[in-house]
């Protein structure tokens, strides 16, 4: 039987979903796409994103926490280092303060000792400052010495400093008094030039200096050019008293001679009512009333004059002596 319907032969792997037939080609019903996997993936993606975000945040937080911990550890280490440095600096400052304190204490003590030494020296050298001033200075120097000796066992640096101030003030008083005496002495020396000129004129009338033995009085001719009222004075008692004081000190006896040039200088001083060195004498002075013992004692009471009277290595003393109005003037040279 002949049919006019078309016939076809199909392969199943060429057209999937079609059936093989030897008759008409009947198309297979369309396949339905399975949506379930797409729906599941769409639901999981946000969750995965959230989890990833959480993981990232956790990683970030963990990193930030690590940074904070590192910063904290660093701060702790820095604080420890600072504490160590501070402790070292404190110890250094303390050591410096102690050393400075020791230096200041030593300097204070040295200054106080120097003040005490100066006070004692001044008390001896300034023999024209007055007995009261000198006694106050000697007492202040002794008090300062006692404070220095008791420092650390009854006396503090403050006590030493206070006693030092008293000694310095007493020294100033003595120095001012001595300076005043020296100034007065300089004022009295204003008449020296005139006296020297008068003495030079007298010397021109004398061919040579006249030296007598230890006679009771100088040559009578020596007084012919002296001012009215000036009288020659014997040197025997002066020499004997001087030698007795030397013997008491264990020193040799000096040969005593009279000197007209020294007598002339003593007469010039008596006429002027003052004393000064002529340049040819070692010590000059006056006492009232007239007394050999008073004169020699006055010299001994003055350290510079005492040094000459009790000088070692000398063998002779030349003396010139006069009186006027109950006052004894003398000038001496040692050799």
C-alpha atoms as a PDB file:
ATOM      1  CA  UNK A   1       0.000   0.000   0.000  1.00  0.00           C
ATOM      2  CA  UNK A   2       1.209   3.205  -1.118  1.00  0.00           C
ATOM      3  CA  UNK A   3       1.039   6.134   1.324  1.00  0.00           C
ATOM      4  CA  UNK A   4       1.742   9.708   0.622  1.00  0.00           C
ATOM      5  CA  UNK A   5       2.711  10.604   4.265  1.00  0.00           C
ATOM      6  CA  UNK A   6       6.302  11.354   4.589  1.00  0.00           C
ATOM      7  CA  UNK A   7       8.511   8.899   6.414  1.00  0.00           C
ATOM      8  CA  UNK A   8      11.657   9.621   8.299  1.00  0.00           C
ATOM      9  CA  UNK A   9      14.365   7.867  10.184  1.00  0.00           C
ATOM     10  CA  UNK A  10      15.896   9.656  13.154  1.00  0.00           C
ATOM     11  CA  UNK A  11      18.790   8.902  15.471  1.00  0.00           C
ATOM     12  CA  UNK A  12      18.151   9.259  19.139  1.00  0.00           C
ATOM     13  CA  UNK A  13      21.520  10.884  19.895  1.00  0.00           C
ATOM     14  CA  UNK A  14      20.937  13.605  17.303  1.00  0.00           C
ATOM     15  CA  UNK A  15      17.641  14.753  18.689  1.00  0.00           C
ATOM     16  CA  UNK A  16      17.390  13.942  22.266  1.00  0.00           C
ATOM     17  CA  UNK A  17      13.949  13.606  23.582  1.00  0.00           C
ATOM     18  CA  UNK A  18      12.558  12.331  20.303  1.00  0.00           C
ATOM     19  CA  UNK A  19      11.497   8.796  19.947  1.00  0.00           C
ATOM     20  CA  UNK A  20      12.542   6.594  17.086  1.00  0.00           C
ATOM     21  CA  UNK A  21       9.791   5.601  14.862  1.00  0.00           C
ATOM     22  CA  UNK A  22       9.411   4.376  11.496  1.00  0.00           C
ATOM     23  CA  UNK A  23       6.257   6.292  11.016  1.00  0.00           C
ATOM     24  CA  UNK A  24       5.554   9.997  11.348  1.00  0.00           C
ATOM     25  CA  UNK A  25       7.898  12.090  13.270  1.00  0.00           C
ATOM     26  CA  UNK A  26       6.138  13.059  16.438  1.00  0.00           C
ATOM     27  CA  UNK A  27       8.024  15.720  18.368  1.00  0.00           C
ATOM     28  CA  UNK A  28       8.650  14.947  21.974  1.00  0.00           C
ATOM     29  CA  UNK A  29       7.038  17.201  24.535  1.00  0.00           C
ATOM     30  CA  UNK A  30       9.319  20.049  25.614  1.00  0.00           C
ATOM     31  CA  UNK A  31      11.573  19.316  28.638  1.00  0.00           C
ATOM     32  CA  UNK A  32      10.979  21.405  31.818  1.00  0.00           C
ATOM     33  CA  UNK A  33      14.113  23.049  33.243  1.00  0.00           C
ATOM     34  CA  UNK A  34      14.702  22.099  36.877  1.00  0.00           C
ATOM     35  CA  UNK A  35      14.742  25.384  38.877  1.00  0.00           C
ATOM     36  CA  UNK A  36      15.573  23.901  42.269  1.00  0.00           C
ATOM     37  CA  UNK A  37      19.401  24.140  42.074  1.00  0.00           C
ATOM     38  CA  UNK A  38      19.192  27.804  41.094  1.00  0.00           C
ATOM     39  CA  UNK A  39      16.829  28.534  43.929  1.00  0.00           C
ATOM     40  CA  UNK A  40      19.204  26.811  46.455  1.00  0.00           C
ATOM     41  CA  UNK A  41      22.258  28.652  45.194  1.00  0.00           C
ATOM     42  CA  UNK A  42      20.460  31.981  45.406  1.00  0.00           C
ATOM     43  CA  UNK A  43      19.630  31.305  49.039  1.00  0.00           C
ATOM     44  CA  UNK A  44      23.152  30.188  49.963  1.00  0.00           C
ATOM     45  CA  UNK A  45      25.022  33.124  48.426  1.00  0.00           C
ATOM     46  CA  UNK A  46      23.837  35.729  50.934  1.00  0.00           C
ATOM     47  CA  UNK A  47      24.685  33.358  53.759  1.00  0.00           C
ATOM     48  CA  UNK A  48      28.109  32.758  52.329  1.00  0.00           C
ATOM     49  CA  UNK A  49      28.614  36.492  51.925  1.00  0.00           C
ATOM     50  CA  UNK A  50      27.504  37.048  55.513  1.00  0.00           C
ATOM     51  CA  UNK A  51      29.828  34.316  56.745  1.00  0.00           C
ATOM     52  CA  UNK A  52      32.658  35.750  54.677  1.00  0.00           C
ATOM     53  CA  UNK A  53      31.952  39.208  56.061  1.00  0.00           C
ATOM     54  CA  UNK A  54      31.876  37.835  59.566  1.00  0.00           C
ATOM     55  CA  UNK A  55      35.154  36.017  58.917  1.00  0.00           C
ATOM     56  CA  UNK A  56      36.714  39.177  57.520  1.00  0.00           C
ATOM     57  CA  UNK A  57      35.474  41.158  60.515  1.00  0.00           C
ATOM     58  CA  UNK A  58      36.746  38.522  62.879  1.00  0.00           C
ATOM     59  CA  UNK A  59      40.097  38.612  61.139  1.00  0.00           C
ATOM     60  CA  UNK A  60      40.074  42.421  61.331  1.00  0.00           C
ATOM     61  CA  UNK A  61      39.101  42.361  65.012  1.00  0.00           C
ATOM     62  CA  UNK A  62      41.761  39.785  65.730  1.00  0.00           C
ATOM     63  CA  UNK A  63      44.366  41.946  63.965  1.00  0.00           C
ATOM     64  CA  UNK A  64      43.205  45.056  65.795  1.00  0.00           C
ATOM     65  CA  UNK A  65      43.306  43.162  69.084  1.00  0.00           C
ATOM     66  CA  UNK A  66      46.826  41.997  68.293  1.00  0.00           C
ATOM     67  CA  UNK A  67      47.837  45.587  67.522  1.00  0.00           C
ATOM     68  CA  UNK A  68      46.288  46.794  70.739  1.00  0.00           C
ATOM     69  CA  UNK A  69      48.044  44.083  72.695  1.00  0.00           C
ATOM     70  CA  UNK A  70      51.332  44.952  71.030  1.00  0.00           C
ATOM     71  CA  UNK A  71      50.780  48.649  71.809  1.00  0.00           C
ATOM     72  CA  UNK A  72      49.945  47.779  75.402  1.00  0.00           C
ATOM     73  CA  UNK A  73      53.043  45.602  75.712  1.00  0.00           C
ATOM     74  CA  UNK A  74      55.109  48.399  74.214  1.00  0.00           C
ATOM     75  CA  UNK A  75      53.649  50.921  76.639  1.00  0.00           C
ATOM     76  CA  UNK A  76      54.367  48.602  79.566  1.00  0.00           C
ATOM     77  CA  UNK A  77      57.946  48.149  78.351  1.00  0.00           C
ATOM     78  CA  UNK A  78      58.377  51.907  77.894  1.00  0.00           C
ATOM     79  CA  UNK A  79      56.950  52.558  81.358  1.00  0.00           C
ATOM     80  CA  UNK A  80      59.376  50.033  82.830  1.00  0.00           C
ATOM     81  CA  UNK A  81      62.258  51.630  80.938  1.00  0.00           C
ATOM     82  CA  UNK A  82      61.153  55.078  82.108  1.00  0.00           C
ATOM     83  CA  UNK A  83      60.919  53.878  85.700  1.00  0.00           C
ATOM     84  CA  UNK A  84      64.422  52.448  85.434  1.00  0.00           C
ATOM     85  CA  UNK A  85      65.742  55.665  83.911  1.00  0.00           C
ATOM     86  CA  UNK A  86      63.954  57.742  86.536  1.00  0.00           C
ATOM     87  CA  UNK A  87      65.388  55.633  89.336  1.00  0.00           C
ATOM     88  CA  UNK A  88      68.872  56.035  87.852  1.00  0.00           C
ATOM     89  CA  UNK A  89      68.409  59.778  87.515  1.00  0.00           C
ATOM     90  CA  UNK A  90      67.128  60.016  91.070  1.00  0.00           C
ATOM     91  CA  UNK A  91      70.141  58.123  92.354  1.00  0.00           C
ATOM     92  CA  UNK A  92      72.448  60.294  90.273  1.00  0.00           C
ATOM     93  CA  UNK A  93      70.838  63.498  91.544  1.00  0.00           C
ATOM     94  CA  UNK A  94      70.988  62.240  95.110  1.00  0.00           C
ATOM     95  CA  UNK A  95      74.661  61.361  94.736  1.00  0.00           C
ATOM     96  CA  UNK A  96      75.318  64.788  93.218  1.00  0.00           C
ATOM     97  CA  UNK A  97      73.427  66.470  96.053  1.00  0.00           C
ATOM     98  CA  UNK A  98      75.405  64.527  98.633  1.00  0.00           C
ATOM     99  CA  UNK A  99      78.677  65.366  96.896  1.00  0.00           C
ATOM    100  CA  UNK A 100      77.666  69.013  96.611  1.00  0.00           C
ATOM    101  CA  UNK A 101      76.667  69.051 100.258  1.00  0.00           C
ATOM    102  CA  UNK A 102      80.015  67.589 101.250  1.00  0.00           C
ATOM    103  CA  UNK A 103      81.818  70.144  99.108  1.00  0.00           C
ATOM    104  CA  UNK A 104      79.803  73.003 100.596  1.00  0.00           C
ATOM    105  CA  UNK A 105      80.422  71.725 104.105  1.00  0.00           C
ATOM    106  CA  UNK A 106      84.144  71.440 103.437  1.00  0.00           C
ATOM    107  CA  UNK A 107      84.207  74.925 101.914  1.00  0.00           C
ATOM    108  CA  UNK A 108      82.296  76.344 104.883  1.00  0.00           C
ATOM    109  CA  UNK A 109      84.704  74.748 107.326  1.00  0.00           C
ATOM    110  CA  UNK A 110      87.720  75.958 105.356  1.00  0.00           C
ATOM    111  CA  UNK A 111      86.311  79.475 105.291  1.00  0.00           C
ATOM    112  CA  UNK A 112      85.594  79.367 109.032  1.00  0.00           C
ATOM    113  CA  UNK A 113      89.100  78.084 109.783  1.00  0.00           C
ATOM    114  CA  UNK A 114      90.582  80.854 107.642  1.00  0.00           C
ATOM    115  CA  UNK A 115      88.465  83.425 109.510  1.00  0.00           C
ATOM    116  CA  UNK A 116      89.715  82.095 112.848  1.00  0.00           C
ATOM    117  CA  UNK A 117      93.341  82.217 111.693  1.00  0.00           C
ATOM    118  CA  UNK A 118      92.901  85.726 110.347  1.00  0.00           C
ATOM    119  CA  UNK A 119      91.301  86.882 113.597  1.00  0.00           C
ATOM    120  CA  UNK A 120      94.230  85.568 115.650  1.00  0.00           C
ATOM    121  CA  UNK A 121      96.757  87.156 113.284  1.00  0.00           C
ATOM    122  CA  UNK A 122      94.935  90.478 113.346  1.00  0.00           C
ATOM    123  CA  UNK A 123      94.721  90.410 117.153  1.00  0.00           C
ATOM    124  CA  UNK A 124      98.533  90.280 117.273  1.00  0.00           C
ATOM    125  CA  UNK A 125      99.313  92.664 114.411  1.00  0.00           C
ATOM    126  CA  UNK A 126      96.797  95.422 115.153  1.00  0.00           C
ATOM    127  CA  UNK A 127      98.357  96.504 118.446  1.00  0.00           C
ATOM    128  CA  UNK A 128      96.971 100.040 118.257  1.00  0.00           C
ATOM    129  CA  UNK A 129      93.284  99.097 118.009  1.00  0.00           C
ATOM    130  CA  UNK A 130      92.568  99.368 121.726  1.00  0.00           C
ATOM    131  CA  UNK A 131      92.569  96.768 124.473  1.00  0.00           C
ATOM    132  CA  UNK A 132      88.779  96.343 124.488  1.00  0.00           C
ATOM    133  CA  UNK A 133      88.554  95.736 120.737  1.00  0.00           C
ATOM    134  CA  UNK A 134      91.472  93.311 120.800  1.00  0.00           C
ATOM    135  CA  UNK A 135      89.982  91.379 123.735  1.00  0.00           C
ATOM    136  CA  UNK A 136      86.664  91.041 121.867  1.00  0.00           C
ATOM    137  CA  UNK A 137      88.454  89.796 118.768  1.00  0.00           C
ATOM    138  CA  UNK A 138      90.502  87.242 120.700  1.00  0.00           C
ATOM    139  CA  UNK A 139      87.360  85.976 122.452  1.00  0.00           C
ATOM    140  CA  UNK A 140      85.510  85.648 119.120  1.00  0.00           C
ATOM    141  CA  UNK A 141      88.439  83.763 117.586  1.00  0.00           C
ATOM    142  CA  UNK A 142      88.546  81.382 120.555  1.00  0.00           C
ATOM    143  CA  UNK A 143      84.792  80.750 120.336  1.00  0.00           C
ATOM    144  CA  UNK A 144      85.106  79.969 116.639  1.00  0.00           C
ATOM    145  CA  UNK A 145      87.996  77.590 117.338  1.00  0.00           C
ATOM    146  CA  UNK A 146      85.869  75.799 119.950  1.00  0.00           C
ATOM    147  CA  UNK A 147      82.949  75.450 117.504  1.00  0.00           C
ATOM    148  CA  UNK A 148      85.238  73.994 114.854  1.00  0.00           C
ATOM    149  CA  UNK A 149      86.652  71.532 117.367  1.00  0.00           C
ATOM    150  CA  UNK A 150      83.143  70.427 118.429  1.00  0.00           C
ATOM    151  CA  UNK A 151      81.689  70.203 114.933  1.00  0.00           C
ATOM    152  CA  UNK A 152      79.701  67.001 114.645  1.00  0.00           C
ATOM    153  CA  UNK A 153      79.738  66.424 118.407  1.00  0.00           C
ATOM    154  CA  UNK A 154      77.813  69.346 119.834  1.00  0.00           C
ATOM    155  CA  UNK A 155      78.264  72.057 117.220  1.00  0.00           C
ATOM    156  CA  UNK A 156      76.499  72.263 113.867  1.00  0.00           C
ATOM    157  CA  UNK A 157      77.658  73.995 110.659  1.00  0.00           C
ATOM    158  CA  UNK A 158      75.101  76.707 111.441  1.00  0.00           C
ATOM    159  CA  UNK A 159      76.762  77.301 114.806  1.00  0.00           C
ATOM    160  CA  UNK A 160      80.167  77.506 113.142  1.00  0.00           C
ATOM    161  CA  UNK A 161      78.801  79.951 110.594  1.00  0.00           C
ATOM    162  CA  UNK A 162      77.268  82.166 113.295  1.00  0.00           C
ATOM    163  CA  UNK A 163      80.522  82.216 115.313  1.00  0.00           C
ATOM    164  CA  UNK A 164      82.418  82.998 112.106  1.00  0.00           C
ATOM    165  CA  UNK A 165      80.225  86.044 111.476  1.00  0.00           C
ATOM    166  CA  UNK A 166      80.916  87.313 115.009  1.00  0.00           C
ATOM    167  CA  UNK A 167      84.671  86.826 114.527  1.00  0.00           C
ATOM    168  CA  UNK A 168      84.625  88.620 111.176  1.00  0.00           C
ATOM    169  CA  UNK A 169      82.682  91.547 112.641  1.00  0.00           C
ATOM    170  CA  UNK A 170      85.085  91.784 115.579  1.00  0.00           C
ATOM    171  CA  UNK A 171      87.980  91.722 113.113  1.00  0.00           C
ATOM    172  CA  UNK A 172      86.439  94.571 111.147  1.00  0.00           C
ATOM    173  CA  UNK A 173      86.118  96.628 114.301  1.00  0.00           C
ATOM    174  CA  UNK A 174      89.769  96.028 115.159  1.00  0.00           C
ATOM    175  CA  UNK A 175      90.894  96.775 111.610  1.00  0.00           C
ATOM    176  CA  UNK A 176      88.915 100.015 111.558  1.00  0.00           C
ATOM    177  CA  UNK A 177      90.447 101.061 114.873  1.00  0.00           C
ATOM    178  CA  UNK A 178      93.933 100.187 113.628  1.00  0.00           C
ATOM    179  CA  UNK A 179      93.314 102.067 110.391  1.00  0.00           C
ATOM    180  CA  UNK A 180      92.150 105.085 112.373  1.00  0.00           C
ATOM    181  CA  UNK A 181      95.345 104.985 114.431  1.00  0.00           C
ATOM    182  CA  UNK A 182      97.445 104.666 111.305  1.00  0.00           C
ATOM    183  CA  UNK A 183      95.637 107.594 109.731  1.00  0.00           C
ATOM    184  CA  UNK A 184      96.227 109.678 112.819  1.00  0.00           C
ATOM    185  CA  UNK A 185      99.864 108.670 112.647  1.00  0.00           C
ATOM    186  CA  UNK A 186     100.010 109.778 109.033  1.00  0.00           C
ATOM    187  CA  UNK A 187      98.447 113.074 110.019  1.00  0.00           C
ATOM    188  CA  UNK A 188     101.090 113.580 112.668  1.00  0.00           C
ATOM    189  CA  UNK A 189     103.751 112.855 110.100  1.00  0.00           C
ATOM    190  CA  UNK A 190     102.736 116.021 108.314  1.00  0.00           C
ATOM    191  CA  UNK A 191     105.293 117.781 110.514  1.00  0.00           C
ATOM    192  CA  UNK A 192     108.016 115.306 109.613  1.00  0.00           C
ATOM    193  CA  UNK A 193     109.349 117.221 106.650  1.00  0.00           C
ATOM    194  CA  UNK A 194     109.862 120.351 108.656  1.00  0.00           C
ATOM    195  CA  UNK A 195     111.541 118.384 111.435  1.00  0.00           C
ATOM    196  CA  UNK A 196     113.832 116.659 108.953  1.00  0.00           C
ATOM    197  CA  UNK A 197     114.849 119.965 107.480  1.00  0.00           C
ATOM    198  CA  UNK A 198     115.625 121.267 110.945  1.00  0.00           C
ATOM    199  CA  UNK A 199     117.624 118.148 111.744  1.00  0.00           C
ATOM    200  CA  UNK A 200     119.515 118.420 108.458  1.00  0.00           C
ATOM    201  CA  UNK A 201     120.411 121.967 109.336  1.00  0.00           C
ATOM    202  CA  UNK A 202     121.698 120.836 112.710  1.00  0.00           C
ATOM    203  CA  UNK A 203     123.659 118.007 111.124  1.00  0.00           C
ATOM    204  CA  UNK A 204     125.448 120.482 108.909  1.00  0.00           C
ATOM    205  CA  UNK A 205     126.819 122.134 112.039  1.00  0.00           C
ATOM    206  CA  UNK A 206     128.176 118.842 113.347  1.00  0.00           C
ATOM    207  CA  UNK A 207     131.335 117.465 111.733  1.00  0.00           C
ATOM    208  CA  UNK A 208     130.649 113.881 112.724  1.00  0.00           C
ATOM    209  CA  UNK A 209     128.107 111.921 114.761  1.00  0.00           C
ATOM    210  CA  UNK A 210     128.951 111.932 118.455  1.00  0.00           C
ATOM    211  CA  UNK A 211     128.779 108.560 120.221  1.00  0.00           C
ATOM    212  CA  UNK A 212     129.189 108.393 123.947  1.00  0.00           C
ATOM    213  CA  UNK A 213     129.578 105.471 126.295  1.00  0.00           C
ATOM    214  CA  UNK A 214     126.742 104.343 128.486  1.00  0.00           C
ATOM    215  CA  UNK A 215     127.038 107.546 130.437  1.00  0.00           C
ATOM    216  CA  UNK A 216     124.130 108.934 132.438  1.00  0.00           C
ATOM    217  CA  UNK A 217     123.617 111.715 129.915  1.00  0.00           C
ATOM    218  CA  UNK A 218     124.531 112.604 126.366  1.00  0.00           C
ATOM    219  CA  UNK A 219     127.190 115.175 125.599  1.00  0.00           C
ATOM    220  CA  UNK A 220     126.159 118.621 126.769  1.00  0.00           C
ATOM    221  CA  UNK A 221     126.865 120.154 123.382  1.00  0.00           C
ATOM    222  CA  UNK A 222     124.175 117.958 121.827  1.00  0.00           C
ATOM    223  CA  UNK A 223     121.431 119.999 123.412  1.00  0.00           C
ATOM    224  CA  UNK A 224     122.591 123.405 122.291  1.00  0.00           C
ATOM    225  CA  UNK A 225     120.423 123.301 119.146  1.00  0.00           C
ATOM    226  CA  UNK A 226     117.401 121.612 120.666  1.00  0.00           C
ATOM    227  CA  UNK A 227     114.062 123.329 121.245  1.00  0.00           C
ATOM    228  CA  UNK A 228     113.447 125.010 124.567  1.00  0.00           C
ATOM    229  CA  UNK A 229     112.477 122.588 127.301  1.00  0.00           C
ATOM    230  CA  UNK A 230     114.110 119.530 125.694  1.00  0.00           C
ATOM    231  CA  UNK A 231     116.582 117.906 128.090  1.00  0.00           C
ATOM    232  CA  UNK A 232     119.079 115.126 127.521  1.00  0.00           C
ATOM    233  CA  UNK A 233     118.357 111.870 129.346  1.00  0.00           C
ATOM    234  CA  UNK A 234     120.806 109.224 130.459  1.00  0.00           C
ATOM    235  CA  UNK A 235     120.655 105.880 128.672  1.00  0.00           C
ATOM    236  CA  UNK A 236     122.176 103.714 131.388  1.00  0.00           C
ATOM    237  CA  UNK A 237     118.889 102.777 133.014  1.00  0.00           C
ATOM    238  CA  UNK A 238     117.275 102.093 129.643  1.00  0.00           C
ATOM    239  CA  UNK A 239     120.124  99.806 128.617  1.00  0.00           C
ATOM    240  CA  UNK A 240     120.130  97.950 131.925  1.00  0.00           C
ATOM    241  CA  UNK A 241     116.375  97.365 131.847  1.00  0.00           C
ATOM    242  CA  UNK A 242     116.522  96.225 128.209  1.00  0.00           C
ATOM    243  CA  UNK A 243     119.331  93.752 128.957  1.00  0.00           C
ATOM    244  CA  UNK A 244     117.485  92.403 131.980  1.00  0.00           C
ATOM    245  CA  UNK A 245     114.474  91.587 129.796  1.00  0.00           C
ATOM    246  CA  UNK A 246     116.767  89.882 127.283  1.00  0.00           C
ATOM    247  CA  UNK A 247     118.358  87.861 130.082  1.00  0.00           C
ATOM    248  CA  UNK A 248     114.893  86.806 131.283  1.00  0.00           C
ATOM    249  CA  UNK A 249     114.278  85.489 127.750  1.00  0.00           C
ATOM    250  CA  UNK A 250     117.591  83.613 127.744  1.00  0.00           C
ATOM    251  CA  UNK A 251     119.284  86.025 125.318  1.00  0.00           C
ATOM    252  CA  UNK A 252     122.738  87.588 125.368  1.00  0.00           C
ATOM    253  CA  UNK A 253     123.524  90.975 126.903  1.00  0.00           C
ATOM    254  CA  UNK A 254     123.943  93.867 124.472  1.00  0.00           C
ATOM    255  CA  UNK A 255     126.600  96.558 124.580  1.00  0.00           C
ATOM    256  CA  UNK A 256     124.781  99.846 125.206  1.00  0.00           C
ATOM    257  CA  UNK A 257     126.088 103.029 123.569  1.00  0.00           C
ATOM    258  CA  UNK A 258     124.735 106.530 123.313  1.00  0.00           C
ATOM    259  CA  UNK A 259     124.189 108.162 119.920  1.00  0.00           C
ATOM    260  CA  UNK A 260     123.993 111.919 119.480  1.00  0.00           C
ATOM    261  CA  UNK A 261     122.242 111.557 116.126  1.00  0.00           C
ATOM    262  CA  UNK A 262     119.568 109.422 117.778  1.00  0.00           C
ATOM    263  CA  UNK A 263     119.383 111.925 120.650  1.00  0.00           C
ATOM    264  CA  UNK A 264     118.910 114.736 118.100  1.00  0.00           C
ATOM    265  CA  UNK A 265     116.077 112.767 116.486  1.00  0.00           C
ATOM    266  CA  UNK A 266     114.490 112.159 119.891  1.00  0.00           C
ATOM    267  CA  UNK A 267     114.781 115.902 120.595  1.00  0.00           C
ATOM    268  CA  UNK A 268     113.116 116.735 117.260  1.00  0.00           C
ATOM    269  CA  UNK A 269     110.254 114.391 118.084  1.00  0.00           C
ATOM    270  CA  UNK A 270     109.923 115.902 121.557  1.00  0.00           C
ATOM    271  CA  UNK A 271     109.795 119.412 120.098  1.00  0.00           C
ATOM    272  CA  UNK A 272     107.101 118.355 117.599  1.00  0.00           C
ATOM    273  CA  UNK A 273     105.132 116.353 120.195  1.00  0.00           C
ATOM    274  CA  UNK A 274     105.052 113.371 117.807  1.00  0.00           C
ATOM    275  CA  UNK A 275     107.094 110.330 116.790  1.00  0.00           C
ATOM    276  CA  UNK A 276     108.368 109.125 113.423  1.00  0.00           C
ATOM    277  CA  UNK A 277     111.244 107.123 111.994  1.00  0.00           C
ATOM    278  CA  UNK A 278     114.233 109.093 110.774  1.00  0.00           C
ATOM    279  CA  UNK A 279     115.463 106.317 108.520  1.00  0.00           C
ATOM    280  CA  UNK A 280     118.442 105.647 110.808  1.00  0.00           C
ATOM    281  CA  UNK A 281     116.583 104.000 113.690  1.00  0.00           C
ATOM    282  CA  UNK A 282     114.746 100.751 114.329  1.00  0.00           C
ATOM    283  CA  UNK A 283     112.306 101.714 117.089  1.00  0.00           C
ATOM    284  CA  UNK A 284     111.069 105.076 118.432  1.00  0.00           C
ATOM    285  CA  UNK A 285     108.568 105.921 121.168  1.00  0.00           C
ATOM    286  CA  UNK A 286     107.611 107.953 124.220  1.00  0.00           C
ATOM    287  CA  UNK A 287     106.110 107.312 127.659  1.00  0.00           C
ATOM    288  CA  UNK A 288     104.709 109.436 130.438  1.00  0.00           C
ATOM    289  CA  UNK A 289     105.760 109.720 133.218  1.00  0.00           C
ATOM    290  CA  UNK A 290     109.476 109.443 132.630  1.00  0.00           C
ATOM    291  CA  UNK A 291     110.582 105.896 133.529  1.00  0.00           C
ATOM    292  CA  UNK A 292     113.134 103.461 132.124  1.00  0.00           C
ATOM    293  CA  UNK A 293     110.885 100.506 133.035  1.00  0.00           C
ATOM    294  CA  UNK A 294     107.789 102.084 131.460  1.00  0.00           C
ATOM    295  CA  UNK A 295     109.692 102.834 128.263  1.00  0.00           C
ATOM    296  CA  UNK A 296     111.063  99.309 127.806  1.00  0.00           C
ATOM    297  CA  UNK A 297     107.713  97.744 128.788  1.00  0.00           C
ATOM    298  CA  UNK A 298     105.893  99.920 126.244  1.00  0.00           C
ATOM    299  CA  UNK A 299     108.221  98.549 123.558  1.00  0.00           C
ATOM    300  CA  UNK A 300     107.687  94.982 124.742  1.00  0.00           C
ATOM    301  CA  UNK A 301     103.902  95.400 124.639  1.00  0.00           C
ATOM    302  CA  UNK A 302     104.102  96.070 120.882  1.00  0.00           C
ATOM    303  CA  UNK A 303     104.936  92.899 118.846  1.00  0.00           C
ATOM    304  CA  UNK A 304     107.018  94.692 116.152  1.00  0.00           C
ATOM    305  CA  UNK A 305     109.065  96.592 118.791  1.00  0.00           C
ATOM    306  CA  UNK A 306     109.321  93.517 121.032  1.00  0.00           C
ATOM    307  CA  UNK A 307     110.804  91.597 118.106  1.00  0.00           C
ATOM    308  CA  UNK A 308     113.698  94.074 117.952  1.00  0.00           C
ATOM    309  CA  UNK A 309     114.407  94.107 121.702  1.00  0.00           C
ATOM    310  CA  UNK A 310     114.394  90.287 121.871  1.00  0.00           C
ATOM    311  CA  UNK A 311     116.113  89.775 118.541  1.00  0.00           C
ATOM    312  CA  UNK A 312     118.743  87.050 118.332  1.00  0.00           C
ATOM    313  CA  UNK A 313     122.100  87.483 116.606  1.00  0.00           C
ATOM    314  CA  UNK A 314     122.720  91.094 117.676  1.00  0.00           C
ATOM    315  CA  UNK A 315     125.366  92.440 120.083  1.00  0.00           C
ATOM    316  CA  UNK A 316     124.841  96.203 120.468  1.00  0.00           C
ATOM    317  CA  UNK A 317     122.121  98.803 120.929  1.00  0.00           C
ATOM    318  CA  UNK A 318     122.602 102.545 120.316  1.00  0.00           C
ATOM    319  CA  UNK A 319     120.160 104.785 122.187  1.00  0.00           C
ATOM    320  CA  UNK A 320     119.174 108.435 122.056  1.00  0.00           C
ATOM    321  CA  UNK A 321     116.883 109.761 124.800  1.00  0.00           C
ATOM    322  CA  UNK A 322     115.486 113.162 125.852  1.00  0.00           C
ATOM    323  CA  UNK A 323     112.707 114.484 128.078  1.00  0.00           C
ATOM    324  CA  UNK A 324     110.288 117.369 127.814  1.00  0.00           C
ATOM    325  CA  UNK A 325     107.515 118.322 130.205  1.00  0.00           C
ATOM    326  CA  UNK A 326     107.700 114.976 132.021  1.00  0.00           C
ATOM    327  CA  UNK A 327     107.658 112.856 128.844  1.00  0.00           C
ATOM    328  CA  UNK A 328     110.504 110.527 127.811  1.00  0.00           C
ATOM    329  CA  UNK A 329     111.308 110.225 124.075  1.00  0.00           C
ATOM    330  CA  UNK A 330     113.696 107.513 122.806  1.00  0.00           C
ATOM    331  CA  UNK A 331     115.156 106.201 119.543  1.00  0.00           C
ATOM    332  CA  UNK A 332     117.173 102.966 119.257  1.00  0.00           C
ATOM    333  CA  UNK A 333     119.266 101.098 116.697  1.00  0.00           C
ATOM    334  CA  UNK A 334     120.265  97.426 117.066  1.00  0.00           C
ATOM    335  CA  UNK A 335     123.275  95.822 115.437  1.00  0.00           C
END
